[in-house]
Amino acid sequence: MDDDALMRGRVYGADHDDPESGRRPGRVYRELVAGPLDGLLLDVTGWSREDLADGASLATEIGSYGAGGHAHYGPRAGDPRHWDWEGDSA
């Protein structure tokens, strides 16, 4: 299995060595599309409607700014279960 296939279905923030790094029952997820976190799931359980509408700025070391950088994702129009990459920032 290649690295891309390994990351698909893994939850953002889960340890890459954790054999249970995927979906868990009773949780709500959004799939991140494109950008440095493409294919990862974001656990949004308990988020308010406003927070879900705003999207998220997620810390990542693999974005344009390296360590300390953030990747920005927001809900896709007409398909809010998928969040599209909107860019990176320091």
PDB file of N, CA and C in Angstrom:
ATOM      1  N   MET A   1       0.843  -1.167   0.000  1.00  0.00           N
ATOM      2  CA  MET A   1       0.000   0.000   0.000  1.00  0.00           C
ATOM      3  C   MET A   1       0.891   1.233   0.000  1.00  0.00           C
ATOM      4  N   ASP A   2       0.580   2.206  -0.884  1.00  0.00           N
ATOM      5  CA  ASP A   2       1.389   3.419  -0.933  1.00  0.00           C
ATOM      6  C   ASP A   2       0.966   4.397   0.172  1.00  0.00           C
ATOM      7  N   ASP A   3       1.758   5.451   0.367  1.00  0.00           N
ATOM      8  CA  ASP A   3       1.494   6.418   1.435  1.00  0.00           C
ATOM      9  C   ASP A   3       0.140   7.092   1.276  1.00  0.00           C
ATOM     10  N   ASP A   4      -0.251   7.422   0.040  1.00  0.00           N
ATOM     11  CA  ASP A   4      -1.541   8.078  -0.179  1.00  0.00           C
ATOM     12  C   ASP A   4      -2.689   7.173   0.240  1.00  0.00           C
ATOM     13  N   ALA A   5      -2.632   5.914  -0.117  1.00  0.00           N
ATOM     14  CA  ALA A   5      -3.689   4.976   0.256  1.00  0.00           C
ATOM     15  C   ALA A   5      -3.731   4.777   1.767  1.00  0.00           C
ATOM     16  N   LEU A   6      -2.581   4.764   2.398  1.00  0.00           N
ATOM     17  CA  LEU A   6      -2.510   4.587   3.840  1.00  0.00           C
ATOM     18  C   LEU A   6      -3.187   5.747   4.569  1.00  0.00           C
ATOM     19  N   MET A   7      -3.016   6.977   4.064  1.00  0.00           N
ATOM     20  CA  MET A   7      -3.582   8.149   4.732  1.00  0.00           C
ATOM     21  C   MET A   7      -5.086   8.267   4.536  1.00  0.00           C
ATOM     22  N   ARG A   8      -5.630   7.761   3.454  1.00  0.00           N
ATOM     23  CA  ARG A   8      -7.067   7.885   3.200  1.00  0.00           C
ATOM     24  C   ARG A   8      -7.850   7.175   4.306  1.00  0.00           C
ATOM     25  N   GLY A   9      -8.844   7.865   4.824  1.00  0.00           N
ATOM     26  CA  GLY A   9      -9.675   7.284   5.872  1.00  0.00           C
ATOM     27  C   GLY A   9      -9.103   7.475   7.265  1.00  0.00           C
ATOM     28  N   ARG A  10      -7.925   8.076   7.370  1.00  0.00           N
ATOM     29  CA  ARG A  10      -7.321   8.338   8.672  1.00  0.00           C
ATOM     30  C   ARG A  10      -7.839   9.669   9.187  1.00  0.00           C
ATOM     31  N   VAL A  11      -8.052   9.744  10.489  1.00  0.00           N
ATOM     32  CA  VAL A  11      -8.572  10.965  11.100  1.00  0.00           C
ATOM     33  C   VAL A  11      -7.429  11.933  11.382  1.00  0.00           C
ATOM     34  N   TYR A  12      -7.629  13.210  11.004  1.00  0.00           N
ATOM     35  CA  TYR A  12      -6.655  14.256  11.268  1.00  0.00           C
ATOM     36  C   TYR A  12      -6.346  14.277  12.763  1.00  0.00           C
ATOM     37  N   GLY A  13      -5.074  14.325  13.091  1.00  0.00           N
ATOM     38  CA  GLY A  13      -4.640  14.387  14.480  1.00  0.00           C
ATOM     39  C   GLY A  13      -4.349  13.037  15.109  1.00  0.00           C
ATOM     40  N   ALA A  14      -4.792  11.950  14.456  1.00  0.00           N
ATOM     41  CA  ALA A  14      -4.518  10.616  14.984  1.00  0.00           C
ATOM     42  C   ALA A  14      -3.062  10.249  14.714  1.00  0.00           C
ATOM     43  N   ASP A  15      -2.468   9.544  15.612  1.00  0.00           N
ATOM     44  CA  ASP A  15      -1.082   9.100  15.440  1.00  0.00           C
ATOM     45  C   ASP A  15      -1.016   8.149  14.249  1.00  0.00           C
ATOM     46  N   HIS A  16      -0.046   8.366  13.369  1.00  0.00           N
ATOM     47  CA  HIS A  16       0.052   7.534  12.160  1.00  0.00           C
ATOM     48  C   HIS A  16       0.338   6.073  12.469  1.00  0.00           C
ATOM     49  N   ASP A  17       0.838   5.772  13.659  1.00  0.00           N
ATOM     50  CA  ASP A  17       1.106   4.385  14.049  1.00  0.00           C
ATOM     51  C   ASP A  17      -0.095   3.713  14.707  1.00  0.00           C
ATOM     52  N   ASP A  18      -1.137   4.468  15.000  1.00  0.00           N
ATOM     53  CA  ASP A  18      -2.323   3.937  15.672  1.00  0.00           C
ATOM     54  C   ASP A  18      -3.105   3.060  14.699  1.00  0.00           C
ATOM     55  N   PRO A  19      -3.278   1.772  15.012  1.00  0.00           N
ATOM     56  CA  PRO A  19      -4.026   0.897  14.106  1.00  0.00           C
ATOM     57  C   PRO A  19      -5.516   1.256  14.039  1.00  0.00           C
ATOM     58  N   GLU A  20      -5.994   2.062  14.979  1.00  0.00           N
ATOM     59  CA  GLU A  20      -7.397   2.479  14.982  1.00  0.00           C
ATOM     60  C   GLU A  20      -7.506   3.976  14.699  1.00  0.00           C
ATOM     61  N   SER A  21      -6.790   4.435  13.683  1.00  0.00           N
ATOM     62  CA  SER A  21      -6.752   5.858  13.370  1.00  0.00           C
ATOM     63  C   SER A  21      -7.861   6.283  12.411  1.00  0.00           C
ATOM     64  N   GLY A  22      -8.831   5.401  12.170  1.00  0.00           N
ATOM     65  CA  GLY A  22      -9.919   5.710  11.251  1.00  0.00           C
ATOM     66  C   GLY A  22     -11.199   6.107  11.959  1.00  0.00           C
ATOM     67  N   ARG A  23     -12.288   6.031  11.234  1.00  0.00           N
ATOM     68  CA  ARG A  23     -13.608   6.404  11.758  1.00  0.00           C
ATOM     69  C   ARG A  23     -13.952   5.607  13.016  1.00  0.00           C
ATOM     70  N   ARG A  24     -14.700   6.267  13.904  1.00  0.00           N
ATOM     71  CA  ARG A  24     -15.192   5.616  15.118  1.00  0.00           C
ATOM     72  C   ARG A  24     -16.697   5.803  15.184  1.00  0.00           C
ATOM     73  N   PRO A  25     -17.403   4.789  15.646  1.00  0.00           N
ATOM     74  CA  PRO A  25     -18.869   4.886  15.730  1.00  0.00           C
ATOM     75  C   PRO A  25     -19.296   6.061  16.607  1.00  0.00           C
ATOM     76  N   GLY A  26     -20.401   6.700  16.213  1.00  0.00           N
ATOM     77  CA  GLY A  26     -20.950   7.790  16.991  1.00  0.00           C
ATOM     78  C   GLY A  26     -20.273   9.127  16.785  1.00  0.00           C
ATOM     79  N   ARG A  27     -19.303   9.188  15.894  1.00  0.00           N
ATOM     80  CA  ARG A  27     -18.586  10.439  15.618  1.00  0.00           C
ATOM     81  C   ARG A  27     -19.035  10.983  14.269  1.00  0.00           C
ATOM     82  N   VAL A  28     -18.853  12.288  14.043  1.00  0.00           N
ATOM     83  CA  VAL A  28     -19.230  12.949  12.795  1.00  0.00           C
ATOM     84  C   VAL A  28     -17.952  13.470  12.144  1.00  0.00           C
ATOM     85  N   TYR A  29     -17.814  13.224  10.850  1.00  0.00           N
ATOM     86  CA  TYR A  29     -16.580  13.575  10.142  1.00  0.00           C
ATOM     87  C   TYR A  29     -16.857  14.391   8.894  1.00  0.00           C
ATOM     88  N   ARG A  30     -15.835  15.136   8.478  1.00  0.00           N
ATOM     89  CA  ARG A  30     -15.798  15.799   7.184  1.00  0.00           C
ATOM     90  C   ARG A  30     -14.537  15.304   6.484  1.00  0.00           C
ATOM     91  N   GLU A  31     -14.653  15.047   5.182  1.00  0.00           N
ATOM     92  CA  GLU A  31     -13.483  14.612   4.416  1.00  0.00           C
ATOM     93  C   GLU A  31     -12.779  15.837   3.853  1.00  0.00           C
ATOM     94  N   LEU A  32     -11.470  15.918   4.080  1.00  0.00           N
ATOM     95  CA  LEU A  32     -10.663  17.023   3.571  1.00  0.00           C
ATOM     96  C   LEU A  32     -10.232  16.701   2.140  1.00  0.00           C
ATOM     97  N   VAL A  33     -10.420  17.668   1.239  1.00  0.00           N
ATOM     98  CA  VAL A  33     -10.187  17.441  -0.184  1.00  0.00           C
ATOM     99  C   VAL A  33      -9.130  18.416  -0.699  1.00  0.00           C
ATOM    100  N   ALA A  34      -8.121  17.864  -1.333  1.00  0.00           N
ATOM    101  CA  ALA A  34      -7.000  18.604  -1.931  1.00  0.00           C
ATOM    102  C   ALA A  34      -6.088  19.162  -0.835  1.00  0.00           C
ATOM    103  N   GLY A  35      -5.061  19.879  -1.254  1.00  0.00           N
ATOM    104  CA  GLY A  35      -4.118  20.454  -0.304  1.00  0.00           C
ATOM    105  C   GLY A  35      -3.310  19.413   0.452  1.00  0.00           C
ATOM    106  N   PRO A  36      -2.596  19.839   1.473  1.00  0.00           N
ATOM    107  CA  PRO A  36      -1.675  18.935   2.170  1.00  0.00           C
ATOM    108  C   PRO A  36      -2.354  17.850   2.993  1.00  0.00           C
ATOM    109  N   LEU A  37      -3.621  18.015   3.329  1.00  0.00           N
ATOM    110  CA  LEU A  37      -4.315  17.030   4.172  1.00  0.00           C
ATOM    111  C   LEU A  37      -5.348  16.226   3.387  1.00  0.00           C
ATOM    112  N   ASP A  38      -5.213  16.215   2.074  1.00  0.00           N
ATOM    113  CA  ASP A  38      -6.147  15.518   1.186  1.00  0.00           C
ATOM    114  C   ASP A  38      -6.402  14.092   1.640  1.00  0.00           C
ATOM    115  N   GLY A  39      -7.680  13.743   1.756  1.00  0.00           N
ATOM    116  CA  GLY A  39      -8.063  12.378   2.092  1.00  0.00           C
ATOM    117  C   GLY A  39      -8.228  12.116   3.578  1.00  0.00           C
ATOM    118  N   LEU A  40      -7.749  13.010   4.424  1.00  0.00           N
ATOM    119  CA  LEU A  40      -7.924  12.822   5.863  1.00  0.00           C
ATOM    120  C   LEU A  40      -9.349  13.174   6.262  1.00  0.00           C
ATOM    121  N   LEU A  41      -9.782  12.626   7.380  1.00  0.00           N
ATOM    122  CA  LEU A  41     -11.087  12.941   7.944  1.00  0.00           C
ATOM    123  C   LEU A  41     -10.890  13.878   9.120  1.00  0.00           C
ATOM    124  N   LEU A  42     -11.791  14.833   9.271  1.00  0.00           N
ATOM    125  CA  LEU A  42     -11.760  15.748  10.409  1.00  0.00           C
ATOM    126  C   LEU A  42     -12.961  15.436  11.288  1.00  0.00           C
ATOM    127  N   ASP A  43     -12.713  15.148  12.560  1.00  0.00           N
ATOM    128  CA  ASP A  43     -13.779  14.863  13.515  1.00  0.00           C
ATOM    129  C   ASP A  43     -14.418  16.193  13.919  1.00  0.00           C
ATOM    130  N   VAL A  44     -15.687  16.379  13.565  1.00  0.00           N
ATOM    131  CA  VAL A  44     -16.398  17.620  13.874  1.00  0.00           C
ATOM    132  C   VAL A  44     -17.540  17.367  14.862  1.00  0.00           C
ATOM    133  N   THR A  45     -17.478  16.276  15.564  1.00  0.00           N
ATOM    134  CA  THR A  45     -18.507  15.938  16.543  1.00  0.00           C
ATOM    135  C   THR A  45     -18.666  17.090  17.536  1.00  0.00           C
ATOM    136  N   GLY A  46     -19.873  17.555  17.722  1.00  0.00           N
ATOM    137  CA  GLY A  46     -20.154  18.617  18.680  1.00  0.00           C
ATOM    138  C   GLY A  46     -19.947  20.029  18.180  1.00  0.00           C
ATOM    139  N   TRP A  47     -19.490  20.191  16.937  1.00  0.00           N
ATOM    140  CA  TRP A  47     -19.290  21.543  16.393  1.00  0.00           C
ATOM    141  C   TRP A  47     -20.651  22.205  16.158  1.00  0.00           C
ATOM    142  N   SER A  48     -20.730  23.513  16.373  1.00  0.00           N
ATOM    143  CA  SER A  48     -21.956  24.259  16.117  1.00  0.00           C
ATOM    144  C   SER A  48     -22.145  24.460  14.608  1.00  0.00           C
ATOM    145  N   ARG A  49     -23.339  24.842  14.207  1.00  0.00           N
ATOM    146  CA  ARG A  49     -23.610  25.136  12.789  1.00  0.00           C
ATOM    147  C   ARG A  49     -22.677  26.243  12.282  1.00  0.00           C
ATOM    148  N   GLU A  50     -22.451  27.241  13.134  1.00  0.00           N
ATOM    149  CA  GLU A  50     -21.583  28.358  12.754  1.00  0.00           C
ATOM    150  C   GLU A  50     -20.151  27.882  12.525  1.00  0.00           C
ATOM    151  N   ASP A  51     -19.660  27.045  13.450  1.00  0.00           N
ATOM    152  CA  ASP A  51     -18.299  26.515  13.298  1.00  0.00           C
ATOM    153  C   ASP A  51     -18.182  25.677  12.030  1.00  0.00           C
ATOM    154  N   LEU A  52     -19.192  24.869  11.754  1.00  0.00           N
ATOM    155  CA  LEU A  52     -19.169  24.043  10.552  1.00  0.00           C
ATOM    156  C   LEU A  52     -19.190  24.914   9.297  1.00  0.00           C
ATOM    157  N   ALA A  53     -19.932  26.007   9.328  1.00  0.00           N
ATOM    158  CA  ALA A  53     -20.003  26.906   8.177  1.00  0.00           C
ATOM    159  C   ALA A  53     -18.683  27.645   7.961  1.00  0.00           C
ATOM    160  N   ASP A  54     -17.947  27.886   9.046  1.00  0.00           N
ATOM    161  CA  ASP A  54     -16.675  28.615   8.960  1.00  0.00           C
ATOM    162  C   ASP A  54     -15.527  27.757   8.431  1.00  0.00           C
ATOM    163  N   GLY A  55     -15.611  26.446   8.585  1.00  0.00           N
ATOM    164  CA  GLY A  55     -14.495  25.593   8.206  1.00  0.00           C
ATOM    165  C   GLY A  55     -13.439  25.573   9.295  1.00  0.00           C
ATOM    166  N   ALA A  56     -12.203  25.242   8.927  1.00  0.00           N
ATOM    167  CA  ALA A  56     -11.155  25.085   9.934  1.00  0.00           C
ATOM    168  C   ALA A  56      -9.783  25.453   9.395  1.00  0.00           C
ATOM    169  N   SER A  57      -8.956  25.940  10.290  1.00  0.00           N
ATOM    170  CA  SER A  57      -7.545  26.192  10.027  1.00  0.00           C
ATOM    171  C   SER A  57      -6.777  25.135  10.817  1.00  0.00           C
ATOM    172  N   LEU A  58      -6.147  24.212  10.110  1.00  0.00           N
ATOM    173  CA  LEU A  58      -5.546  23.041  10.744  1.00  0.00           C
ATOM    174  C   LEU A  58      -4.024  23.083  10.688  1.00  0.00           C
ATOM    175  N   ALA A  59      -3.407  22.890  11.827  1.00  0.00           N
ATOM    176  CA  ALA A  59      -1.947  22.869  11.888  1.00  0.00           C
ATOM    177  C   ALA A  59      -1.407  21.698  11.074  1.00  0.00           C
ATOM    178  N   THR A  60      -0.378  21.970  10.284  1.00  0.00           N
ATOM    179  CA  THR A  60       0.273  20.916   9.514  1.00  0.00           C
ATOM    180  C   THR A  60       1.712  21.309   9.208  1.00  0.00           C
ATOM    181  N   GLU A  61       2.562  20.329   9.180  1.00  0.00           N
ATOM    182  CA  GLU A  61       3.971  20.546   8.835  1.00  0.00           C
ATOM    183  C   GLU A  61       4.233  20.296   7.357  1.00  0.00           C
ATOM    184  N   ILE A  62       3.223  19.804   6.645  1.00  0.00           N
ATOM    185  CA  ILE A  62       3.443  19.424   5.248  1.00  0.00           C
ATOM    186  C   ILE A  62       2.822  20.419   4.262  1.00  0.00           C
ATOM    187  N   GLY A  63       2.395  21.584   4.743  1.00  0.00           N
ATOM    188  CA  GLY A  63       1.848  22.613   3.867  1.00  0.00           C
ATOM    189  C   GLY A  63       2.959  23.497   3.315  1.00  0.00           C
ATOM    190  N   SER A  64       2.563  24.566   2.673  1.00  0.00           N
ATOM    191  CA  SER A  64       3.499  25.491   2.035  1.00  0.00           C
ATOM    192  C   SER A  64       4.471  26.151   3.000  1.00  0.00           C
ATOM    193  N   TYR A  65       4.086  26.261   4.279  1.00  0.00           N
ATOM    194  CA  TYR A  65       4.900  26.986   5.249  1.00  0.00           C
ATOM    195  C   TYR A  65       5.666  26.084   6.207  1.00  0.00           C
ATOM    196  N   GLY A  66       5.585  24.777   6.024  1.00  0.00           N
ATOM    197  CA  GLY A  66       6.328  23.853   6.876  1.00  0.00           C
ATOM    198  C   GLY A  66       5.848  23.890   8.315  1.00  0.00           C
ATOM    199  N   ALA A  67       6.749  23.570   9.231  1.00  0.00           N
ATOM    200  CA  ALA A  67       6.406  23.525  10.652  1.00  0.00           C
ATOM    201  C   ALA A  67       5.813  24.859  11.088  1.00  0.00           C
ATOM    202  N   GLY A  68       4.715  24.805  11.792  1.00  0.00           N
ATOM    203  CA  GLY A  68       4.043  26.007  12.245  1.00  0.00           C
ATOM    204  C   GLY A  68       3.008  26.536  11.271  1.00  0.00           C
ATOM    205  N   GLY A  69       2.888  25.907  10.111  1.00  0.00           N
ATOM    206  CA  GLY A  69       1.924  26.349   9.118  1.00  0.00           C
ATOM    207  C   GLY A  69       0.537  25.771   9.353  1.00  0.00           C
ATOM    208  N   HIS A  70      -0.421  26.329   8.642  1.00  0.00           N
ATOM    209  CA  HIS A  70      -1.806  25.881   8.736  1.00  0.00           C
ATOM    210  C   HIS A  70      -2.396  25.706   7.344  1.00  0.00           C
ATOM    211  N   ALA A  71      -3.256  24.722   7.208  1.00  0.00           N
ATOM    212  CA  ALA A  71      -4.018  24.509   5.980  1.00  0.00           C
ATOM    213  C   ALA A  71      -5.467  24.875   6.284  1.00  0.00           C
ATOM    214  N   HIS A  72      -6.077  25.642   5.395  1.00  0.00           N
ATOM    215  CA  HIS A  72      -7.445  26.115   5.606  1.00  0.00           C
ATOM    216  C   HIS A  72      -8.401  25.317   4.730  1.00  0.00           C
ATOM    217  N   TYR A  73      -9.465  24.820   5.352  1.00  0.00           N
ATOM    218  CA  TYR A  73     -10.474  24.019   4.662  1.00  0.00           C
ATOM    219  C   TYR A  73     -11.855  24.570   4.974  1.00  0.00           C
ATOM    220  N   GLY A  74     -12.726  24.558   3.970  1.00  0.00           N
ATOM    221  CA  GLY A  74     -14.092  25.030   4.163  1.00  0.00           C
ATOM    222  C   GLY A  74     -15.079  24.128   3.462  1.00  0.00           C
ATOM    223  N   PRO A  75     -16.351  24.174   3.900  1.00  0.00           N
ATOM    224  CA  PRO A  75     -17.375  23.304   3.328  1.00  0.00           C
ATOM    225  C   PRO A  75     -17.598  23.581   1.840  1.00  0.00           C
ATOM    226  N   ARG A  76     -17.784  22.519   1.111  1.00  0.00           N
ATOM    227  CA  ARG A  76     -18.057  22.606  -0.330  1.00  0.00           C
ATOM    228  C   ARG A  76     -19.525  22.980  -0.532  1.00  0.00           C
ATOM    229  N   ALA A  77     -19.780  23.942  -1.382  1.00  0.00           N
ATOM    230  CA  ALA A  77     -21.158  24.336  -1.686  1.00  0.00           C
ATOM    231  C   ALA A  77     -21.928  23.142  -2.234  1.00  0.00           C
ATOM    232  N   GLY A  78     -23.070  22.853  -1.645  1.00  0.00           N
ATOM    233  CA  GLY A  78     -23.911  21.749  -2.098  1.00  0.00           C
ATOM    234  C   GLY A  78     -23.486  20.388  -1.589  1.00  0.00           C
ATOM    235  N   ASP A  79     -22.346  20.290  -0.921  1.00  0.00           N
ATOM    236  CA  ASP A  79     -21.856  19.003  -0.404  1.00  0.00           C
ATOM    237  C   ASP A  79     -21.014  19.258   0.852  1.00  0.00           C
ATOM    238  N   PRO A  80     -21.655  19.673   1.943  1.00  0.00           N
ATOM    239  CA  PRO A  80     -20.911  20.075   3.137  1.00  0.00           C
ATOM    240  C   PRO A  80     -20.153  18.946   3.840  1.00  0.00           C
ATOM    241  N   ARG A  81     -20.354  17.700   3.421  1.00  0.00           N
ATOM    242  CA  ARG A  81     -19.576  16.606   4.032  1.00  0.00           C
ATOM    243  C   ARG A  81     -18.136  16.587   3.521  1.00  0.00           C
ATOM    244  N   HIS A  82     -17.888  17.299   2.443  1.00  0.00           N
ATOM    245  CA  HIS A  82     -16.534  17.439   1.908  1.00  0.00           C
ATOM    246  C   HIS A  82     -16.084  18.876   2.119  1.00  0.00           C
ATOM    247  N   TRP A  83     -14.880  19.041   2.651  1.00  0.00           N
ATOM    248  CA  TRP A  83     -14.308  20.372   2.868  1.00  0.00           C
ATOM    249  C   TRP A  83     -13.128  20.536   1.934  1.00  0.00           C
ATOM    250  N   ASP A  84     -13.191  21.586   1.140  1.00  0.00           N
ATOM    251  CA  ASP A  84     -12.159  21.850   0.144  1.00  0.00           C
ATOM    252  C   ASP A  84     -11.046  22.731   0.711  1.00  0.00           C
ATOM    253  N   TRP A  85      -9.851  22.468   0.240  1.00  0.00           N
ATOM    254  CA  TRP A  85      -8.667  23.245   0.637  1.00  0.00           C
ATOM    255  C   TRP A  85      -8.809  24.658   0.074  1.00  0.00           C
ATOM    256  N   GLU A  86      -8.545  25.653   0.927  1.00  0.00           N
ATOM    257  CA  GLU A  86      -8.648  27.055   0.531  1.00  0.00           C
ATOM    258  C   GLU A  86      -7.301  27.765   0.546  1.00  0.00           C
ATOM    259  N   GLY A  87      -6.253  27.065   0.957  1.00  0.00           N
ATOM    260  CA  GLY A  87      -4.925  27.651   0.973  1.00  0.00           C
ATOM    261  C   GLY A  87      -4.212  27.413   2.292  1.00  0.00           C
ATOM    262  N   ASP A  88      -2.951  27.823   2.324  1.00  0.00           N
ATOM    263  CA  ASP A  88      -2.113  27.658   3.516  1.00  0.00           C
ATOM    264  C   ASP A  88      -1.711  29.025   4.071  1.00  0.00           C
ATOM    265  N   SER A  89      -1.342  29.038   5.327  1.00  0.00           N
ATOM    266  CA  SER A  89      -0.805  30.257   5.936  1.00  0.00           C
ATOM    267  C   SER A  89       0.234  29.875   6.975  1.00  0.00           C
ATOM    268  N   ALA A  90       1.016  30.862   7.364  1.00  0.00           N
ATOM    269  CA  ALA A  90       2.056  30.643   8.377  1.00  0.00           C
ATOM    270  C   ALA A  90       1.425  30.615   9.749  1.00  0.00           C
TER     271      ALA A  90
END
